[in-house]
């Protein structure tokens, strides 16, 4: 068995036990004046004040000292560490919930544990750091981080989980993210009836499908994209560009102009056009695909496609909490209330002893005066 203290500075209050001792030693008590009908037979003497030279009323003094000791110990907040209490510590759980992308958190996830708190940050790594710091500051208990998300690739990774210390458990709670954050408008540059057009469409990416809804279209300038190649390769380059446009090229900015240059073909001033160079495709049958890949690779993604993290990966990353942290800060376990009750009982006893002492001492003093 061991004892921990919540506020060790309060133990300095034990020095106050010197006060009642000093009071018992230094207090002055004066005799009473008693009037008699006749003083003929009373010997004259001076009215004297009696100073205590030794501690009297030892029981009353001990009671007052015990009151101060009980109050000081109660303020210090003792925690008696027994084997039974250690076992109870290992049965309770502190849970930090990391909420990713506005996923709905089940209230029971926060209510069925000893202590809980929710963390949400733009970067998952920052939320994990906050959760670890919070868990390290909790009273002795098992510790766990529960991740709540739809768990698509990119939301959380194995490198993020390396931030979690070994003793802290990891749990994954898959829920649908709400609202979806992967719906956007996409512009496609394509050909219709031999003319270039911009086509708008609404795209919604989910974990199992891509949903596309057609939108309006508008004519595109003829020089929005062109290809330059050596004279012998120019026919192939033009045909490959037409095929790539028939497939549709992502075009986030309608003011963007692109110049494709095959190999070391000579070009004049591109005039502010985005210049993309590429080798002559070999075999020629892959020319259209090469152009499409080049232009698409130079275009920023509107949103990441939500591919679900495989369940075996989540199971491999999960682990149970392993013991109580040796750095866990103690918390009030209710031990101090017994000391307050003892102090209250001693106050009642001190009041009774003080009154009883006064009834006994007063006649004794009068006899000494007489």
Foldseek 3Di string as FASTA:
>chain_A
DDKDWPAVVLLVLLVCLVVLVVCQQAPKDFFDDDDDPDCPPPDDDDGDIDGHHDGDPVVLSVLVSLLSNLVSRLVRFMDDDDPVVQVVQAVFEEEEEEEFQQFDDDVCVQVVGPGYDYFYDPASLVSLVVQQVVQLAAARHFYEYEYEEQAFPPRDDPVSLVVHDPQYFYHYDHDYRPPDPAKDKWWWWADDPNFTKIWIWIWHFDQPDIDIGTDDMGGADPQQEDEFEPPVCRVLLVVLCNVLRNVIATDRDSPAHEYEYEDPGDDDPPPPHHYDYDYQDPPSVCSNVVVRVRRNVVDDDPDDRGHHDDPVVNVVSGDGRHGTDPSYDHDRPPPSVVSVVVSVVSVVVSVVSVVVVVVVVNVVSVVVVD
